[in-house]
Amino acid sequence: MPKPRPPLAALLSLVLSACGGVAGNALSEAAAPASSVASDEASASPSAAPSLPAGHAWQTVDDVSVSFAVPETWTAMNPKKLLELGDSSAFDEMAGRMGITSRQMMQAVGNADLLMLAPPKRGYADNVSGLVVPLEGLPTQAQLEAELGKVSDVPVVVTPGTSPAGPIVTADYTIEVSGRPVMGRSIFVETPDGVLNLSVSALEAVTTAEVSDTIVATMHPA
């Protein structure tokens, strides 16, 4: 089994540390609110999906046909599809706001299958990133502790579990962004179509836990 890379959220948290305005103008033309990108299949077959919590919307990662609930006020975009379409406007504006080049921005987030940003607060946007990773199965506890331990400021806590979409493993970690701790939880789920890594990063541990727990509880085949 290949070694998993540190979660995309670790990179995103560093890149987005100055994104006080990213969830506004930078994404308005290239992204849609989560509520407008709900899964047609989930909407058409509500009995096949868990109940949608209040204040949430369905989000789908098409490559593995998995849907889950996310806060409806968070903004969603698919960086990989934007690049395939040749649309770099979102990356250009984000890069300009953060004083880096568009190329650096695209290198950090361009491979993501999903990027969701909360309305920014205190100069940081809580976020969810999603990436279908080239693994043959779930990473082991030793792999996650070793890889995430390279970026985490605290011991990595790994927890196996299950979800309606398949077996999962989660890893909790903390990274420092602009002198502040950012709480992260990386969720790996093994589906028939591949392994999906969803990572949640937030300034408040309670936000990371609540968003992550909702994702796991509502995750299901689309």
N, C-alpha and C. Protein backbone atom coordinates (compact mmCIF):
# COMPACT_ATOMS: atom_id res chain seq x y z
N MET A 1 0.85 -1.20 0.00
CA MET A 1 0.00 0.00 0.00
C MET A 1 0.87 1.24 0.00
N PRO A 2 0.63 2.21 -0.87
CA PRO A 2 1.42 3.44 -0.87
C PRO A 2 1.25 4.20 0.43
N LYS A 3 2.25 4.99 0.79
CA LYS A 3 2.13 5.83 1.97
C LYS A 3 1.22 7.00 1.67
N PRO A 4 0.23 7.28 2.54
CA PRO A 4 -0.62 8.44 2.30
C PRO A 4 0.15 9.72 2.54
N ARG A 5 -0.15 10.72 1.72
CA ARG A 5 0.45 12.02 1.94
C ARG A 5 -0.29 12.73 3.05
N PRO A 6 0.34 13.73 3.68
CA PRO A 6 -0.41 14.54 4.65
C PRO A 6 -1.66 15.08 3.99
N PRO A 7 -2.77 15.21 4.73
CA PRO A 7 -4.04 15.59 4.12
C PRO A 7 -3.96 16.94 3.44
N LEU A 8 -4.76 17.07 2.41
CA LEU A 8 -4.80 18.32 1.67
C LEU A 8 -5.11 19.49 2.58
N ALA A 9 -5.88 19.23 3.63
CA ALA A 9 -6.25 20.32 4.54
C ALA A 9 -5.03 20.94 5.19
N ALA A 10 -3.98 20.17 5.42
CA ALA A 10 -2.77 20.74 6.02
C ALA A 10 -2.18 21.80 5.10
N LEU A 11 -2.18 21.54 3.80
CA LEU A 11 -1.71 22.52 2.84
C LEU A 11 -2.69 23.68 2.73
N LEU A 12 -3.98 23.35 2.67
CA LEU A 12 -4.98 24.39 2.52
C LEU A 12 -4.97 25.36 3.68
N SER A 13 -4.80 24.83 4.88
CA SER A 13 -4.82 25.70 6.05
C SER A 13 -3.70 26.71 6.00
N LEU A 14 -2.54 26.30 5.51
CA LEU A 14 -1.43 27.22 5.39
C LEU A 14 -1.68 28.23 4.28
N VAL A 15 -2.18 27.75 3.15
CA VAL A 15 -2.42 28.64 2.02
C VAL A 15 -3.54 29.61 2.31
N LEU A 16 -4.56 29.17 3.04
CA LEU A 16 -5.74 30.00 3.28
C LEU A 16 -5.63 30.83 4.55
N SER A 17 -4.45 30.85 5.16
CA SER A 17 -4.32 31.55 6.44
C SER A 17 -4.60 33.04 6.32
N ALA A 18 -4.47 33.59 5.11
CA ALA A 18 -4.73 35.02 4.91
C ALA A 18 -5.99 35.26 4.10
N CYS A 19 -6.93 34.32 4.16
CA CYS A 19 -8.06 34.37 3.23
C CYS A 19 -9.26 35.10 3.81
N GLY A 20 -9.05 36.22 4.45
CA GLY A 20 -10.16 36.94 5.05
C GLY A 20 -11.28 37.24 4.09
N GLY A 21 -10.99 37.39 2.78
CA GLY A 21 -12.03 37.72 1.82
C GLY A 21 -12.26 36.65 0.80
N VAL A 22 -11.64 35.49 0.96
CA VAL A 22 -11.72 34.46 -0.07
C VAL A 22 -13.14 33.97 -0.29
N ALA A 23 -13.89 33.82 0.78
CA ALA A 23 -15.23 33.26 0.62
C ALA A 23 -16.20 34.25 0.01
N GLY A 24 -15.72 35.45 -0.25
CA GLY A 24 -16.57 36.44 -0.88
C GLY A 24 -16.30 36.52 -2.36
N ASN A 25 -15.67 37.58 -2.82
CA ASN A 25 -15.48 37.82 -4.24
C ASN A 25 -14.67 36.73 -4.94
N ALA A 26 -13.68 36.15 -4.25
CA ALA A 26 -12.79 35.21 -4.91
C ALA A 26 -13.51 33.98 -5.41
N LEU A 27 -14.58 33.59 -4.75
CA LEU A 27 -15.27 32.37 -5.14
C LEU A 27 -16.63 32.63 -5.78
N SER A 28 -17.10 33.85 -5.75
CA SER A 28 -18.47 34.11 -6.15
C SER A 28 -18.74 33.74 -7.60
N GLU A 29 -17.76 33.88 -8.48
CA GLU A 29 -17.99 33.59 -9.89
C GLU A 29 -17.72 32.15 -10.25
N ALA A 30 -16.92 31.44 -9.42
CA ALA A 30 -16.49 30.09 -9.79
C ALA A 30 -17.12 29.03 -8.91
N ALA A 31 -17.93 29.41 -7.94
CA ALA A 31 -18.46 28.44 -7.00
C ALA A 31 -19.93 28.71 -6.74
N ALA A 32 -20.57 27.73 -6.12
CA ALA A 32 -21.98 27.86 -5.79
C ALA A 32 -22.17 27.50 -4.34
N PRO A 33 -23.18 28.08 -3.65
CA PRO A 33 -23.45 27.64 -2.29
C PRO A 33 -23.72 26.15 -2.26
N ALA A 34 -23.40 25.54 -1.14
CA ALA A 34 -23.56 24.08 -1.04
C ALA A 34 -24.97 23.64 -1.37
N SER A 35 -25.95 24.46 -1.00
CA SER A 35 -27.34 24.06 -1.21
C SER A 35 -27.70 23.90 -2.67
N SER A 36 -26.93 24.51 -3.60
CA SER A 36 -27.27 24.44 -5.01
C SER A 36 -26.54 23.32 -5.73
N VAL A 37 -25.69 22.57 -5.02
CA VAL A 37 -24.97 21.47 -5.65
C VAL A 37 -25.34 20.15 -5.00
N ALA A 38 -26.58 20.05 -4.53
CA ALA A 38 -27.04 18.83 -3.90
C ALA A 38 -27.11 17.70 -4.91
N SER A 39 -26.98 16.48 -4.39
CA SER A 39 -27.01 15.30 -5.26
C SER A 39 -28.42 15.04 -5.75
N ASP A 40 -28.59 14.92 -7.09
CA ASP A 40 -29.91 14.60 -7.64
C ASP A 40 -30.37 13.25 -7.16
N GLU A 41 -29.43 12.29 -7.09
CA GLU A 41 -29.81 10.95 -6.68
C GLU A 41 -30.32 10.95 -5.24
N ALA A 42 -29.62 11.69 -4.36
CA ALA A 42 -30.02 11.72 -2.97
C ALA A 42 -31.38 12.38 -2.82
N SER A 43 -31.62 13.43 -3.61
CA SER A 43 -32.90 14.12 -3.52
C SER A 43 -34.03 13.25 -4.06
N ALA A 44 -33.72 12.46 -5.11
CA ALA A 44 -34.75 11.66 -5.73
C ALA A 44 -35.08 10.42 -4.92
N SER A 45 -34.12 9.96 -4.10
CA SER A 45 -34.34 8.74 -3.33
C SER A 45 -34.03 8.99 -1.86
N PRO A 46 -34.84 9.81 -1.20
CA PRO A 46 -34.55 10.15 0.19
C PRO A 46 -34.50 8.95 1.10
N SER A 47 -35.23 7.86 0.79
CA SER A 47 -35.23 6.69 1.64
C SER A 47 -33.90 5.98 1.63
N ALA A 48 -33.07 6.23 0.59
CA ALA A 48 -31.77 5.59 0.48
C ALA A 48 -30.70 6.37 1.21
N ALA A 49 -31.01 7.55 1.71
CA ALA A 49 -30.02 8.40 2.35
C ALA A 49 -30.43 8.71 3.78
N PRO A 50 -29.45 8.96 4.66
CA PRO A 50 -29.79 9.43 6.01
C PRO A 50 -30.55 10.75 5.92
N SER A 51 -31.19 11.11 7.01
CA SER A 51 -31.92 12.37 7.04
C SER A 51 -30.95 13.55 6.96
N LEU A 52 -31.36 14.59 6.26
CA LEU A 52 -30.55 15.78 6.13
C LEU A 52 -30.74 16.66 7.36
N PRO A 53 -29.67 16.92 8.12
CA PRO A 53 -29.82 17.77 9.31
C PRO A 53 -30.24 19.19 8.94
N ALA A 54 -30.93 19.85 9.83
CA ALA A 54 -31.33 21.24 9.61
C ALA A 54 -30.09 22.10 9.41
N GLY A 55 -30.19 23.07 8.49
CA GLY A 55 -29.09 23.97 8.24
C GLY A 55 -27.97 23.39 7.41
N HIS A 56 -28.22 22.24 6.77
CA HIS A 56 -27.21 21.57 5.96
C HIS A 56 -27.73 21.32 4.55
N ALA A 57 -26.81 20.98 3.66
CA ALA A 57 -27.14 20.62 2.28
C ALA A 57 -26.30 19.43 1.87
N TRP A 58 -26.79 18.70 0.88
CA TRP A 58 -26.03 17.55 0.38
C TRP A 58 -24.89 18.01 -0.52
N GLN A 59 -23.75 17.39 -0.37
CA GLN A 59 -22.60 17.61 -1.24
C GLN A 59 -22.12 16.25 -1.75
N THR A 60 -21.74 16.17 -3.01
CA THR A 60 -21.34 14.91 -3.61
C THR A 60 -19.95 15.00 -4.21
N VAL A 61 -19.14 13.97 -3.99
CA VAL A 61 -17.88 13.81 -4.70
C VAL A 61 -18.14 12.76 -5.78
N ASP A 62 -18.24 13.23 -7.02
CA ASP A 62 -18.71 12.39 -8.12
C ASP A 62 -17.81 11.19 -8.41
N ASP A 63 -16.51 11.35 -8.27
CA ASP A 63 -15.59 10.28 -8.67
C ASP A 63 -15.75 9.02 -7.84
N VAL A 64 -16.27 9.14 -6.61
CA VAL A 64 -16.51 7.96 -5.80
C VAL A 64 -17.99 7.80 -5.45
N SER A 65 -18.83 8.68 -6.03
CA SER A 65 -20.28 8.61 -5.84
C SER A 65 -20.67 8.56 -4.37
N VAL A 66 -20.14 9.50 -3.60
CA VAL A 66 -20.44 9.59 -2.18
C VAL A 66 -21.02 10.97 -1.87
N SER A 67 -22.13 10.98 -1.13
CA SER A 67 -22.75 12.23 -0.70
C SER A 67 -22.71 12.33 0.82
N PHE A 68 -22.74 13.55 1.32
CA PHE A 68 -22.72 13.78 2.76
C PHE A 68 -23.25 15.19 3.01
N ALA A 69 -23.61 15.47 4.26
CA ALA A 69 -24.19 16.76 4.62
C ALA A 69 -23.11 17.72 5.08
N VAL A 70 -23.23 18.96 4.62
CA VAL A 70 -22.30 20.03 4.98
C VAL A 70 -23.11 21.28 5.35
N PRO A 71 -22.54 22.20 6.11
CA PRO A 71 -23.28 23.42 6.44
C PRO A 71 -23.69 24.16 5.17
N GLU A 72 -24.93 24.58 5.11
CA GLU A 72 -25.46 25.18 3.88
C GLU A 72 -24.87 26.56 3.59
N THR A 73 -24.26 27.18 4.58
CA THR A 73 -23.67 28.50 4.37
C THR A 73 -22.24 28.43 3.84
N TRP A 74 -21.67 27.22 3.78
CA TRP A 74 -20.31 27.09 3.28
C TRP A 74 -20.33 27.05 1.75
N THR A 75 -19.31 27.61 1.12
CA THR A 75 -19.23 27.71 -0.32
C THR A 75 -18.39 26.57 -0.89
N ALA A 76 -18.90 25.94 -1.96
CA ALA A 76 -18.23 24.78 -2.55
C ALA A 76 -17.66 25.10 -3.92
N MET A 77 -16.51 24.51 -4.22
CA MET A 77 -15.94 24.58 -5.56
C MET A 77 -15.19 23.29 -5.84
N ASN A 78 -14.98 23.00 -7.10
CA ASN A 78 -14.21 21.83 -7.50
C ASN A 78 -12.97 22.32 -8.25
N PRO A 79 -11.84 22.50 -7.55
CA PRO A 79 -10.65 23.04 -8.20
C PRO A 79 -10.20 22.23 -9.40
N LYS A 80 -10.29 20.91 -9.31
CA LYS A 80 -9.82 20.06 -10.42
C LYS A 80 -10.63 20.33 -11.68
N LYS A 81 -11.96 20.45 -11.54
CA LYS A 81 -12.79 20.70 -12.71
C LYS A 81 -12.56 22.10 -13.28
N LEU A 82 -12.33 23.07 -12.39
CA LEU A 82 -12.06 24.42 -12.87
C LEU A 82 -10.80 24.44 -13.74
N LEU A 83 -9.78 23.71 -13.30
CA LEU A 83 -8.55 23.66 -14.09
C LEU A 83 -8.76 22.92 -15.40
N GLU A 84 -9.56 21.86 -15.37
CA GLU A 84 -9.85 21.11 -16.60
C GLU A 84 -10.57 22.00 -17.61
N LEU A 85 -11.41 22.92 -17.10
CA LEU A 85 -12.14 23.83 -17.97
C LEU A 85 -11.32 25.06 -18.36
N GLY A 86 -10.11 25.15 -17.81
CA GLY A 86 -9.26 26.29 -18.12
C GLY A 86 -9.64 27.56 -17.40
N ASP A 87 -10.41 27.45 -16.32
CA ASP A 87 -10.87 28.61 -15.57
C ASP A 87 -9.95 28.82 -14.36
N SER A 88 -9.08 29.80 -14.44
CA SER A 88 -8.15 30.07 -13.34
C SER A 88 -8.53 31.32 -12.55
N SER A 89 -9.69 31.89 -12.81
CA SER A 89 -10.05 33.16 -12.20
C SER A 89 -10.10 33.09 -10.68
N ALA A 90 -10.66 32.00 -10.15
CA ALA A 90 -10.74 31.87 -8.69
C ALA A 90 -9.36 31.79 -8.08
N PHE A 91 -8.45 31.04 -8.73
CA PHE A 91 -7.10 30.91 -8.23
C PHE A 91 -6.36 32.25 -8.31
N ASP A 92 -6.57 32.97 -9.42
CA ASP A 92 -5.89 34.25 -9.59
C ASP A 92 -6.26 35.22 -8.48
N GLU A 93 -7.55 35.31 -8.18
CA GLU A 93 -7.98 36.27 -7.18
C GLU A 93 -7.54 35.85 -5.78
N MET A 94 -7.65 34.55 -5.46
CA MET A 94 -7.19 34.08 -4.16
C MET A 94 -5.71 34.35 -3.99
N ALA A 95 -4.93 34.04 -5.02
CA ALA A 95 -3.48 34.24 -4.95
C ALA A 95 -3.14 35.71 -4.75
N GLY A 96 -3.84 36.59 -5.48
CA GLY A 96 -3.59 38.01 -5.34
C GLY A 96 -3.83 38.53 -3.94
N ARG A 97 -4.87 38.02 -3.29
CA ARG A 97 -5.20 38.46 -1.94
C ARG A 97 -4.16 37.99 -0.93
N MET A 98 -3.48 36.88 -1.23
CA MET A 98 -2.56 36.30 -0.27
C MET A 98 -1.10 36.56 -0.60
N GLY A 99 -0.84 37.31 -1.66
CA GLY A 99 0.53 37.66 -1.97
C GLY A 99 1.37 36.52 -2.50
N ILE A 100 0.73 35.53 -3.14
CA ILE A 100 1.45 34.43 -3.76
C ILE A 100 1.06 34.37 -5.23
N THR A 101 1.73 33.54 -5.98
CA THR A 101 1.41 33.45 -7.40
C THR A 101 0.24 32.48 -7.62
N SER A 102 -0.41 32.65 -8.76
CA SER A 102 -1.50 31.74 -9.10
C SER A 102 -0.99 30.30 -9.22
N ARG A 103 0.23 30.16 -9.72
CA ARG A 103 0.81 28.83 -9.84
C ARG A 103 0.96 28.16 -8.47
N GLN A 104 1.42 28.93 -7.48
CA GLN A 104 1.54 28.37 -6.14
C GLN A 104 0.17 27.97 -5.58
N MET A 105 -0.82 28.80 -5.85
CA MET A 105 -2.17 28.48 -5.39
C MET A 105 -2.68 27.21 -6.05
N MET A 106 -2.51 27.11 -7.36
CA MET A 106 -3.00 25.94 -8.08
C MET A 106 -2.26 24.68 -7.67
N GLN A 107 -0.96 24.80 -7.36
CA GLN A 107 -0.21 23.64 -6.90
C GLN A 107 -0.73 23.14 -5.56
N ALA A 108 -1.19 24.06 -4.71
CA ALA A 108 -1.68 23.69 -3.39
C ALA A 108 -3.06 23.05 -3.43
N VAL A 109 -3.95 23.57 -4.27
CA VAL A 109 -5.34 23.10 -4.24
C VAL A 109 -5.83 22.54 -5.57
N GLY A 110 -4.99 22.58 -6.62
CA GLY A 110 -5.47 22.22 -7.95
C GLY A 110 -5.90 20.78 -8.12
N ASN A 111 -5.39 19.87 -7.28
CA ASN A 111 -5.75 18.46 -7.41
C ASN A 111 -6.97 18.08 -6.58
N ALA A 112 -7.52 19.02 -5.85
CA ALA A 112 -8.65 18.70 -4.97
C ALA A 112 -9.91 18.40 -5.77
N ASP A 113 -10.66 17.41 -5.32
CA ASP A 113 -11.96 17.12 -5.91
C ASP A 113 -13.05 17.98 -5.28
N LEU A 114 -12.74 18.58 -4.14
CA LEU A 114 -13.71 19.41 -3.44
C LEU A 114 -12.98 20.37 -2.52
N LEU A 115 -13.44 21.60 -2.48
CA LEU A 115 -12.98 22.58 -1.51
C LEU A 115 -14.19 23.37 -1.06
N MET A 116 -14.42 23.39 0.25
CA MET A 116 -15.53 24.15 0.81
C MET A 116 -14.98 25.12 1.84
N LEU A 117 -15.46 26.35 1.79
CA LEU A 117 -15.01 27.39 2.70
C LEU A 117 -16.17 27.98 3.47
N ALA A 118 -15.98 28.10 4.79
CA ALA A 118 -16.96 28.79 5.63
C ALA A 118 -16.76 30.29 5.48
N PRO A 119 -17.77 31.08 5.83
CA PRO A 119 -17.56 32.52 5.88
C PRO A 119 -16.36 32.82 6.79
N PRO A 120 -15.41 33.62 6.33
CA PRO A 120 -14.18 33.83 7.11
C PRO A 120 -14.44 34.57 8.41
N LYS A 121 -13.63 34.24 9.41
CA LYS A 121 -13.68 34.95 10.69
C LYS A 121 -12.26 35.02 11.23
N ARG A 122 -11.93 36.15 11.82
CA ARG A 122 -10.60 36.38 12.39
C ARG A 122 -9.50 36.03 11.39
N GLY A 123 -9.73 36.34 10.10
CA GLY A 123 -8.71 36.14 9.10
C GLY A 123 -8.49 34.72 8.66
N TYR A 124 -9.45 33.84 8.94
CA TYR A 124 -9.30 32.43 8.55
C TYR A 124 -10.66 31.89 8.14
N ALA A 125 -10.66 31.04 7.12
CA ALA A 125 -11.90 30.39 6.70
C ALA A 125 -11.82 28.91 7.05
N ASP A 126 -12.68 28.47 7.97
CA ASP A 126 -12.80 27.04 8.23
C ASP A 126 -13.11 26.35 6.90
N ASN A 127 -12.63 25.12 6.73
CA ASN A 127 -12.79 24.51 5.42
C ASN A 127 -12.88 23.00 5.47
N VAL A 128 -13.42 22.46 4.39
CA VAL A 128 -13.42 21.01 4.13
C VAL A 128 -12.77 20.80 2.77
N SER A 129 -11.82 19.91 2.71
CA SER A 129 -11.20 19.56 1.44
C SER A 129 -11.45 18.08 1.16
N GLY A 130 -11.55 17.74 -0.11
CA GLY A 130 -11.79 16.35 -0.49
C GLY A 130 -10.88 15.93 -1.63
N LEU A 131 -10.34 14.73 -1.53
CA LEU A 131 -9.43 14.22 -2.54
C LEU A 131 -9.55 12.71 -2.61
N VAL A 132 -9.76 12.18 -3.81
CA VAL A 132 -9.73 10.73 -4.01
C VAL A 132 -8.26 10.32 -4.08
N VAL A 133 -7.81 9.50 -3.14
CA VAL A 133 -6.39 9.19 -3.00
C VAL A 133 -6.06 7.82 -3.60
N PRO A 134 -4.84 7.65 -4.13
CA PRO A 134 -4.46 6.39 -4.78
C PRO A 134 -4.03 5.33 -3.78
N LEU A 135 -4.97 4.87 -2.97
CA LEU A 135 -4.71 3.82 -2.00
C LEU A 135 -5.55 2.60 -2.34
N GLU A 136 -5.04 1.43 -2.00
CA GLU A 136 -5.78 0.19 -2.23
C GLU A 136 -6.71 -0.13 -1.08
N GLY A 137 -6.57 0.55 0.02
CA GLY A 137 -7.41 0.37 1.19
C GLY A 137 -7.16 1.50 2.16
N LEU A 138 -7.78 1.43 3.34
CA LEU A 138 -7.61 2.48 4.33
C LEU A 138 -6.18 2.50 4.85
N PRO A 139 -5.63 3.69 5.11
CA PRO A 139 -4.30 3.75 5.72
C PRO A 139 -4.33 3.19 7.12
N THR A 140 -3.20 2.68 7.57
CA THR A 140 -3.11 2.10 8.91
C THR A 140 -2.87 3.20 9.94
N GLN A 141 -3.06 2.83 11.20
CA GLN A 141 -2.79 3.77 12.28
C GLN A 141 -1.33 4.23 12.24
N ALA A 142 -0.41 3.29 12.01
CA ALA A 142 1.00 3.64 11.99
C ALA A 142 1.32 4.61 10.85
N GLN A 143 0.71 4.40 9.69
CA GLN A 143 0.94 5.30 8.57
C GLN A 143 0.44 6.70 8.86
N LEU A 144 -0.77 6.80 9.41
CA LEU A 144 -1.35 8.11 9.69
C LEU A 144 -0.55 8.83 10.78
N GLU A 145 -0.17 8.10 11.82
CA GLU A 145 0.61 8.74 12.88
C GLU A 145 1.95 9.23 12.36
N ALA A 146 2.57 8.45 11.47
CA ALA A 146 3.88 8.84 10.94
C ALA A 146 3.76 10.03 10.01
N GLU A 147 2.80 10.00 9.08
CA GLU A 147 2.70 11.05 8.08
C GLU A 147 2.14 12.34 8.68
N LEU A 148 1.04 12.23 9.42
CA LEU A 148 0.46 13.43 10.01
C LEU A 148 1.33 13.98 11.14
N GLY A 149 2.09 13.09 11.77
CA GLY A 149 2.99 13.54 12.83
C GLY A 149 4.03 14.52 12.34
N LYS A 150 4.27 14.53 11.03
CA LYS A 150 5.25 15.46 10.47
C LYS A 150 4.74 16.90 10.47
N VAL A 151 3.42 17.08 10.49
CA VAL A 151 2.86 18.43 10.44
C VAL A 151 2.08 18.79 11.69
N SER A 152 1.74 17.81 12.53
CA SER A 152 0.90 18.07 13.70
C SER A 152 1.74 18.54 14.88
N ASP A 153 1.19 19.50 15.63
CA ASP A 153 1.84 20.00 16.83
C ASP A 153 1.48 19.20 18.07
N VAL A 154 0.56 18.25 17.94
CA VAL A 154 0.15 17.40 19.05
C VAL A 154 0.15 15.95 18.56
N PRO A 155 0.15 14.97 19.48
CA PRO A 155 0.07 13.58 19.04
C PRO A 155 -1.18 13.33 18.20
N VAL A 156 -1.02 12.59 17.12
CA VAL A 156 -2.13 12.29 16.22
C VAL A 156 -2.99 11.19 16.85
N VAL A 157 -4.30 11.41 16.87
CA VAL A 157 -5.23 10.43 17.44
C VAL A 157 -5.99 9.77 16.29
N VAL A 158 -5.82 8.46 16.14
CA VAL A 158 -6.43 7.72 15.03
C VAL A 158 -7.57 6.86 15.58
N THR A 159 -8.73 6.92 14.89
CA THR A 159 -9.92 6.19 15.34
C THR A 159 -10.57 5.48 14.16
N PRO A 160 -10.67 4.15 14.20
CA PRO A 160 -11.39 3.42 13.15
C PRO A 160 -12.89 3.52 13.38
N GLY A 161 -13.67 3.31 12.31
CA GLY A 161 -15.11 3.36 12.46
C GLY A 161 -15.81 2.89 11.20
N THR A 162 -17.11 3.16 11.15
CA THR A 162 -17.91 2.79 9.99
C THR A 162 -18.81 3.96 9.61
N SER A 163 -19.30 3.92 8.38
CA SER A 163 -20.25 4.91 7.90
C SER A 163 -21.17 4.22 6.90
N PRO A 164 -22.30 4.84 6.56
CA PRO A 164 -23.17 4.23 5.54
C PRO A 164 -22.49 4.06 4.19
N ALA A 165 -21.37 4.77 3.96
CA ALA A 165 -20.67 4.67 2.68
C ALA A 165 -19.58 3.61 2.68
N GLY A 166 -19.21 3.13 3.87
CA GLY A 166 -18.15 2.13 3.96
C GLY A 166 -17.31 2.32 5.20
N PRO A 167 -16.32 1.45 5.42
CA PRO A 167 -15.45 1.59 6.59
C PRO A 167 -14.63 2.86 6.52
N ILE A 168 -14.34 3.43 7.69
CA ILE A 168 -13.60 4.68 7.74
C ILE A 168 -12.49 4.60 8.78
N VAL A 169 -11.59 5.53 8.70
CA VAL A 169 -10.62 5.79 9.76
C VAL A 169 -10.44 7.30 9.82
N THR A 170 -10.39 7.85 11.03
CA THR A 170 -10.20 9.29 11.19
C THR A 170 -8.91 9.55 11.96
N ALA A 171 -8.35 10.72 11.73
CA ALA A 171 -7.13 11.10 12.43
C ALA A 171 -7.24 12.57 12.83
N ASP A 172 -7.10 12.85 14.12
CA ASP A 172 -7.15 14.21 14.64
C ASP A 172 -5.73 14.75 14.80
N TYR A 173 -5.54 16.00 14.42
CA TYR A 173 -4.23 16.62 14.50
C TYR A 173 -4.41 18.12 14.67
N THR A 174 -3.33 18.83 14.95
CA THR A 174 -3.35 20.28 15.10
C THR A 174 -2.14 20.87 14.39
N ILE A 175 -2.36 21.90 13.59
CA ILE A 175 -1.25 22.60 12.94
C ILE A 175 -1.33 24.07 13.30
N GLU A 176 -0.19 24.73 13.26
CA GLU A 176 -0.14 26.15 13.57
C GLU A 176 -0.21 26.96 12.29
N VAL A 177 -1.12 27.92 12.27
CA VAL A 177 -1.29 28.80 11.11
C VAL A 177 -1.24 30.24 11.62
N SER A 178 -0.25 30.98 11.16
CA SER A 178 -0.10 32.38 11.57
C SER A 178 -0.13 32.53 13.08
N GLY A 179 0.54 31.61 13.76
CA GLY A 179 0.64 31.68 15.21
C GLY A 179 -0.56 31.18 15.96
N ARG A 180 -1.57 30.64 15.24
CA ARG A 180 -2.78 30.14 15.90
C ARG A 180 -2.95 28.66 15.60
N PRO A 181 -3.44 27.89 16.57
CA PRO A 181 -3.69 26.47 16.30
C PRO A 181 -4.94 26.28 15.46
N VAL A 182 -4.84 25.43 14.46
CA VAL A 182 -5.99 25.03 13.64
C VAL A 182 -6.23 23.55 13.88
N MET A 183 -7.46 23.22 14.24
CA MET A 183 -7.81 21.84 14.57
C MET A 183 -8.25 21.10 13.31
N GLY A 184 -7.62 19.98 13.02
CA GLY A 184 -7.95 19.22 11.83
C GLY A 184 -8.39 17.81 12.14
N ARG A 185 -9.28 17.31 11.32
CA ARG A 185 -9.65 15.89 11.37
C ARG A 185 -9.69 15.38 9.94
N SER A 186 -8.91 14.35 9.67
CA SER A 186 -8.84 13.74 8.35
C SER A 186 -9.66 12.46 8.36
N ILE A 187 -10.60 12.36 7.43
CA ILE A 187 -11.51 11.21 7.35
C ILE A 187 -11.20 10.45 6.07
N PHE A 188 -10.86 9.18 6.19
CA PHE A 188 -10.68 8.32 5.03
C PHE A 188 -11.83 7.32 4.99
N VAL A 189 -12.49 7.19 3.84
CA VAL A 189 -13.57 6.22 3.68
C VAL A 189 -13.27 5.35 2.47
N GLU A 190 -13.40 4.05 2.65
CA GLU A 190 -13.15 3.10 1.57
C GLU A 190 -14.46 2.77 0.86
N THR A 191 -14.56 3.15 -0.40
CA THR A 191 -15.77 2.92 -1.18
C THR A 191 -15.47 1.93 -2.30
N PRO A 192 -16.48 1.39 -2.98
CA PRO A 192 -16.22 0.50 -4.11
C PRO A 192 -15.46 1.17 -5.24
N ASP A 193 -15.50 2.50 -5.30
CA ASP A 193 -14.85 3.24 -6.39
C ASP A 193 -13.51 3.84 -6.01
N GLY A 194 -13.08 3.65 -4.77
CA GLY A 194 -11.81 4.20 -4.34
C GLY A 194 -11.87 4.74 -2.93
N VAL A 195 -10.74 5.26 -2.47
CA VAL A 195 -10.64 5.81 -1.11
C VAL A 195 -10.74 7.33 -1.18
N LEU A 196 -11.69 7.86 -0.44
CA LEU A 196 -11.90 9.31 -0.39
C LEU A 196 -11.34 9.85 0.91
N ASN A 197 -10.55 10.92 0.83
CA ASN A 197 -10.05 11.61 2.01
C ASN A 197 -10.74 12.96 2.12
N LEU A 198 -11.52 13.13 3.18
CA LEU A 198 -12.14 14.41 3.50
C LEU A 198 -11.48 14.95 4.76
N SER A 199 -11.00 16.18 4.70
CA SER A 199 -10.33 16.77 5.85
C SER A 199 -11.03 18.05 6.25
N VAL A 200 -11.29 18.17 7.54
CA VAL A 200 -11.97 19.34 8.10
C VAL A 200 -10.97 20.12 8.94
N SER A 201 -10.88 21.43 8.71
CA SER A 201 -9.98 22.28 9.48
C SER A 201 -10.76 23.49 9.99
N ALA A 202 -10.58 23.82 11.26
CA ALA A 202 -11.29 24.95 11.85
C ALA A 202 -10.49 25.53 13.00
N LEU A 203 -10.76 26.79 13.32
CA LEU A 203 -10.10 27.43 14.45
C LEU A 203 -10.58 26.87 15.77
N GLU A 204 -11.83 26.43 15.82
CA GLU A 204 -12.41 25.91 17.05
C GLU A 204 -12.55 24.39 16.97
N ALA A 205 -12.11 23.70 18.00
CA ALA A 205 -12.18 22.24 18.02
C ALA A 205 -13.62 21.75 17.92
N VAL A 206 -14.56 22.50 18.52
CA VAL A 206 -15.95 22.09 18.48
C VAL A 206 -16.49 22.12 17.05
N THR A 207 -16.04 23.10 16.24
CA THR A 207 -16.48 23.17 14.85
C THR A 207 -15.94 21.98 14.06
N THR A 208 -14.66 21.69 14.23
CA THR A 208 -14.07 20.53 13.54
C THR A 208 -14.83 19.26 13.89
N ALA A 209 -15.13 19.07 15.18
CA ALA A 209 -15.82 17.85 15.61
C ALA A 209 -17.24 17.79 15.07
N GLU A 210 -17.97 18.90 15.14
CA GLU A 210 -19.36 18.90 14.70
C GLU A 210 -19.48 18.65 13.20
N VAL A 211 -18.66 19.35 12.40
CA VAL A 211 -18.73 19.18 10.95
C VAL A 211 -18.29 17.77 10.57
N SER A 212 -17.23 17.27 11.19
CA SER A 212 -16.74 15.93 10.89
C SER A 212 -17.76 14.87 11.27
N ASP A 213 -18.34 14.98 12.46
CA ASP A 213 -19.31 13.99 12.92
C ASP A 213 -20.53 13.95 12.01
N THR A 214 -20.97 15.14 11.54
CA THR A 214 -22.11 15.18 10.63
C THR A 214 -21.77 14.53 9.29
N ILE A 215 -20.57 14.80 8.76
CA ILE A 215 -20.15 14.18 7.52
C ILE A 215 -20.18 12.67 7.64
N VAL A 216 -19.58 12.14 8.70
CA VAL A 216 -19.52 10.68 8.87
C VAL A 216 -20.92 10.08 9.04
N ALA A 217 -21.77 10.74 9.83
CA ALA A 217 -23.10 10.20 10.10
C ALA A 217 -24.00 10.20 8.87
N THR A 218 -23.75 11.11 7.93
CA THR A 218 -24.64 11.24 6.77
C THR A 218 -24.02 10.73 5.47
N MET A 219 -22.77 10.32 5.52
CA MET A 219 -22.08 9.86 4.32
C MET A 219 -22.74 8.60 3.77
N HIS A 220 -23.07 8.60 2.46
CA HIS A 220 -23.77 7.47 1.89
C HIS A 220 -23.52 7.42 0.37
N PRO A 221 -23.74 6.26 -0.26
CA PRO A 221 -23.58 6.18 -1.71
C PRO A 221 -24.56 7.08 -2.42
N ALA A 222 -24.08 7.83 -3.38
CA ALA A 222 -24.93 8.77 -4.10
C ALA A 222 -25.75 8.05 -5.17
